[in-house]
């Protein structure tokens, strides 16, 4: 008996706007914000680009103090007070979830962008220093303002995407 694999989730740049795009999943096509540099083939730490490629979905993180536990088939973890993501290429924990320290991106943010986060398997197996870190799918700013390299959706659209994802899901970021 064949096991049915998840269909890939596709992200493409919007015409005439490198900082916005569309994500296709299930029967939905929804708008997204991309990095300020658009989709880039050669991602570097701090370049503002959303990396081109195919990436597995690793886990979901959420703020239990701001929302109820979301329904998902993904591994799910509540964000803790001192959780952060290491973005320092010189640190041995580069591109990993860590306890808050210098050179890290705090996950407990005031602006709500990380109230719900899907962690993509970008530059994590193996981790290459300086190739980029903290590539997430998270909540968008008003007007789908550009991200620092992540993919961002409205709360409604992110909840719909989360419900669609399975542990073997992949997100393909295309030109």
Protein backbone atom coordinates (compact mmCIF):
# COMPACT_ATOMS: atom_id res chain seq x y z
CA UNK A 1 0.00 0.00 0.00
CA UNK A 2 1.34 3.43 -0.98
CA UNK A 3 1.46 6.17 1.61
CA UNK A 4 0.01 9.43 0.35
CA UNK A 5 2.53 12.24 0.84
CA UNK A 6 1.53 15.81 1.45
CA UNK A 7 1.31 18.09 -1.55
CA UNK A 8 3.94 20.82 -1.51
CA UNK A 9 2.98 24.31 -0.48
CA UNK A 10 4.10 26.76 -3.18
CA UNK A 11 5.25 30.35 -2.66
CA UNK A 12 5.83 32.66 -5.64
CA UNK A 13 6.65 36.35 -5.95
CA UNK A 14 3.83 38.67 -6.97
CA UNK A 15 4.15 40.39 -10.35
CA UNK A 16 5.80 43.82 -10.09
CA UNK A 17 6.41 43.55 -6.31
CA UNK A 18 9.43 41.61 -5.08
CA UNK A 19 8.39 41.97 -1.42
CA UNK A 20 4.99 40.33 -1.79
CA UNK A 21 3.86 37.02 -3.15
CA UNK A 22 1.25 34.29 -3.13
CA UNK A 23 1.13 31.01 -1.24
CA UNK A 24 -0.84 28.08 -2.64
CA UNK A 25 -1.99 25.30 -0.32
CA UNK A 26 -4.98 23.00 -0.44
CA UNK A 27 -7.47 24.86 -2.61
CA UNK A 28 -6.31 28.27 -1.39
CA UNK A 29 -4.11 30.97 -2.91
CA UNK A 30 -3.41 33.68 -0.35
CA UNK A 31 -1.22 36.85 -0.30
CA UNK A 32 2.04 36.85 1.66
CA UNK A 33 4.81 39.26 2.58
CA UNK A 34 8.35 38.28 1.60
CA UNK A 35 11.76 39.62 2.58
CA UNK A 36 12.67 43.20 1.64
CA UNK A 37 15.16 41.84 -0.94
CA UNK A 38 12.58 39.48 -2.44
CA UNK A 39 13.35 35.83 -3.20
CA UNK A 40 17.10 35.20 -3.39
CA UNK A 41 19.07 32.21 -4.65
CA UNK A 42 22.17 32.88 -2.55
CA UNK A 43 20.89 33.72 0.93
CA UNK A 44 23.26 35.39 3.42
CA UNK A 45 22.68 36.35 7.05
CA UNK A 46 21.05 39.80 7.26
CA UNK A 47 20.46 40.29 3.51
CA UNK A 48 16.67 40.57 3.88
CA UNK A 49 16.09 37.88 1.26
CA UNK A 50 13.62 35.03 1.37
CA UNK A 51 15.58 31.92 0.31
CA UNK A 52 14.77 30.14 -2.94
CA UNK A 53 14.30 26.39 -2.53
CA UNK A 54 12.38 23.52 -1.00
CA UNK A 55 12.19 23.41 2.78
CA UNK A 56 10.61 20.93 5.19
CA UNK A 57 8.27 22.21 7.88
CA UNK A 58 9.89 21.42 11.25
CA UNK A 59 7.49 22.61 13.96
CA UNK A 60 5.07 25.29 15.09
CA UNK A 61 5.55 27.67 18.01
CA UNK A 62 2.83 29.78 19.63
CA UNK A 63 2.26 32.31 22.40
CA UNK A 64 0.05 30.55 24.96
CA UNK A 65 -0.47 33.90 26.73
CA UNK A 66 -2.04 35.37 23.57
CA UNK A 67 -3.89 32.52 21.90
CA UNK A 68 -5.37 29.11 22.49
CA UNK A 69 -3.37 26.06 21.51
CA UNK A 70 -3.80 25.82 17.72
CA UNK A 71 -5.02 22.66 16.06
CA UNK A 72 -2.23 21.13 14.00
CA UNK A 73 -0.60 17.83 13.14
CA UNK A 74 2.85 19.43 13.42
CA UNK A 75 5.04 19.21 16.50
CA UNK A 76 3.85 22.16 18.59
CA UNK A 77 5.55 24.06 21.41
CA UNK A 78 4.49 27.04 23.50
CA UNK A 79 7.00 29.91 23.42
CA UNK A 80 8.59 30.56 26.82
CA UNK A 81 9.71 33.92 28.30
CA UNK A 82 13.39 33.53 27.44
CA UNK A 83 13.08 31.65 24.13
CA UNK A 84 14.98 33.15 21.23
CA UNK A 85 16.54 32.15 17.92
CA UNK A 86 20.30 32.46 17.55
CA UNK A 87 21.27 34.59 14.53
CA UNK A 88 24.97 34.98 15.38
CA UNK A 89 27.05 32.98 12.84
CA UNK A 90 29.96 32.85 15.32
CA UNK A 91 27.82 31.16 17.99
CA UNK A 92 27.83 27.34 18.18
CA UNK A 93 24.01 27.49 18.46
CA UNK A 94 23.61 29.46 15.22
CA UNK A 95 20.14 28.98 13.68
CA UNK A 96 18.72 27.14 16.68
CA UNK A 97 16.12 27.77 19.37
CA UNK A 98 18.05 28.95 22.46
CA UNK A 99 17.60 30.69 25.80
CA UNK A 100 17.70 34.47 25.28
CA UNK A 101 21.22 35.79 24.80
CA UNK A 102 23.15 38.40 22.82
CA UNK A 103 22.92 37.87 19.04
CA UNK A 104 19.53 36.21 19.33
CA UNK A 105 16.06 37.09 18.04
CA UNK A 106 13.60 37.09 20.98
CA UNK A 107 10.46 35.10 20.26
CA UNK A 108 8.35 36.91 22.91
CA UNK A 109 7.73 40.05 20.85
CA UNK A 110 5.46 42.98 21.66
CA UNK A 111 4.35 43.38 18.03
CA UNK A 112 2.53 40.01 17.78
CA UNK A 113 4.47 38.86 14.66
CA UNK A 114 5.65 35.72 16.47
CA UNK A 115 2.39 34.88 18.25
CA UNK A 116 2.28 31.93 15.82
CA UNK A 117 5.39 30.72 14.00
CA UNK A 118 6.06 27.84 11.64
CA UNK A 119 9.76 26.93 11.62
CA UNK A 120 11.16 25.98 8.22
CA UNK A 121 14.07 23.59 7.79
CA UNK A 122 16.31 26.18 6.18
CA UNK A 123 20.08 25.93 6.81
CA UNK A 124 19.60 23.55 9.72
CA UNK A 125 20.89 20.17 8.49
CA UNK A 126 23.74 21.00 8.10
CA UNK A 127 24.00 24.53 9.49
CA UNK A 128 26.39 26.69 7.48
CA UNK A 129 27.63 29.82 9.25
CA UNK A 130 26.46 33.02 7.62
CA UNK A 131 24.04 31.33 5.20
CA UNK A 132 20.99 32.69 7.04
CA UNK A 133 18.88 31.84 10.05
CA UNK A 134 15.40 32.10 11.53
CA UNK A 135 13.45 31.54 8.32
CA UNK A 136 9.88 31.30 9.56
CA UNK A 137 6.32 31.57 8.38
CA UNK A 138 4.74 34.04 10.80
CA UNK A 139 2.09 36.73 11.18
CA UNK A 140 2.24 39.70 8.82
CA UNK A 141 2.38 43.39 9.60
CA UNK A 142 -0.49 45.57 8.43
CA UNK A 143 -0.38 45.99 4.65
CA UNK A 144 1.93 42.98 4.18
CA UNK A 145 5.05 45.04 4.84
CA UNK A 146 8.31 43.24 3.93
CA UNK A 147 9.96 40.87 6.40
CA UNK A 148 13.64 40.30 7.16
CA UNK A 149 13.52 37.13 5.01
CA UNK A 150 10.53 35.20 6.33
CA UNK A 151 7.12 34.56 4.80
CA UNK A 152 4.28 36.38 6.58
CA UNK A 153 0.50 35.92 6.35
CA UNK A 154 -2.60 37.34 7.97
CA UNK A 155 -3.71 35.55 11.15
CA UNK A 156 -6.68 33.96 9.35
CA UNK A 157 -4.53 32.69 6.47
CA UNK A 158 -1.79 31.42 8.79
CA UNK A 159 -4.34 29.46 10.82
CA UNK A 160 -5.71 27.92 7.60
CA UNK A 161 -2.18 27.00 6.48
CA UNK A 162 -1.36 25.49 9.87
CA UNK A 163 -4.46 23.29 9.71
CA UNK A 164 -3.33 22.04 6.27
CA UNK A 165 0.25 21.14 7.24
CA UNK A 166 1.43 17.65 8.12
CA UNK A 167 4.77 16.51 9.58
CA UNK A 168 6.00 15.62 6.06
CA UNK A 169 4.92 18.93 4.48
CA UNK A 170 7.35 20.99 2.44
CA UNK A 171 7.25 24.61 1.36
CA UNK A 172 8.69 25.38 -2.07
CA UNK A 173 9.79 28.98 -2.54
CA UNK A 174 9.94 29.57 -6.28
CA UNK A 175 11.16 32.53 -8.36
